[in-house]
Protein backbone atom coordinates (compact mmCIF):
# COMPACT_ATOMS: atom_id res chain seq x y z
CA UNK A 1 165.16 114.91 70.08
CA UNK A 2 167.17 116.14 67.13
CA UNK A 3 170.44 114.58 65.98
CA UNK A 4 172.56 117.72 65.47
CA UNK A 5 173.35 117.30 61.78
CA UNK A 6 171.60 120.53 60.66
CA UNK A 7 173.15 123.85 61.71
CA UNK A 8 169.74 125.55 61.76
CA UNK A 9 168.62 123.28 64.64
CA UNK A 10 171.40 124.48 66.96
CA UNK A 11 171.43 127.77 68.87
CA UNK A 12 173.80 129.25 71.43
CA UNK A 13 172.97 128.34 75.01
CA UNK A 14 171.23 125.11 74.02
CA UNK A 15 171.88 121.92 76.02
CA UNK A 16 173.49 119.25 73.81
CA UNK A 17 175.47 116.01 73.95
CA UNK A 18 178.66 116.08 71.89
CA UNK A 19 181.34 113.54 71.07
CA UNK A 20 184.87 114.82 71.63
CA UNK A 21 187.64 113.91 69.16
CA UNK A 22 189.30 111.66 71.77
CA UNK A 23 185.98 109.85 72.39
CA UNK A 24 185.02 109.16 68.76
CA UNK A 25 186.01 105.47 68.94
CA UNK A 26 184.33 104.80 72.30
CA UNK A 27 181.27 106.95 71.58
CA UNK A 28 181.33 108.58 75.04
CA UNK A 29 179.20 111.73 75.08
CA UNK A 30 179.86 115.00 76.89
CA UNK A 31 176.92 117.18 77.93
CA UNK A 32 177.02 120.96 77.95
CA UNK A 33 175.65 124.24 76.67
CA UNK A 34 176.65 125.62 73.25
CA UNK A 35 178.97 128.63 73.47
CA UNK A 36 179.85 128.84 69.74
CA UNK A 37 178.91 127.05 66.53
CA UNK A 38 182.11 126.25 64.64
CA UNK A 39 180.82 124.51 61.48
CA UNK A 40 179.98 126.98 58.70
CA UNK A 41 178.08 124.61 56.40
CA UNK A 42 174.33 124.10 56.85
CA UNK A 43 174.66 120.31 57.20
CA UNK A 44 177.35 117.84 58.28
CA UNK A 45 176.89 114.03 58.24
CA UNK A 46 178.86 113.52 61.50
CA UNK A 47 177.24 116.40 63.40
CA UNK A 48 177.78 120.14 63.61
CA UNK A 49 180.99 121.09 65.45
CA UNK A 50 180.46 123.32 68.50
CA UNK A 51 182.35 124.67 71.48
CA UNK A 52 180.76 124.18 74.89
CA UNK A 53 180.67 126.84 77.62
CA UNK A 54 181.97 124.26 80.08
CA UNK A 55 185.79 124.10 79.81
CA UNK A 56 185.68 125.24 76.14
CA UNK A 57 185.40 121.63 74.93
CA UNK A 58 184.99 121.15 71.17
CA UNK A 59 183.11 118.30 69.52
CA UNK A 60 180.33 117.28 67.17
CA UNK A 61 176.71 117.43 68.29
CA UNK A 62 175.10 113.99 68.57
CA UNK A 63 171.88 114.89 70.41
CA UNK A 64 170.06 118.18 70.98
CA UNK A 65 168.43 117.95 74.41
CA UNK A 66 166.38 121.16 74.52
CA UNK A 67 164.88 123.49 71.95
């Protein structure tokens, strides 16, 4: 499993676990498929920011579940 800190590892439609802004303190993860990649830089230490297809939720990728 990849940790989601490199933009090149993430593709649209991929199943990922993200942490939403409201869940950053608790660390609760939300699972969904990537609709859009929002971070422009090639690397981010807290995870690449994405929007999920499910309910258009936005958060940072913590775990990439499929390749």
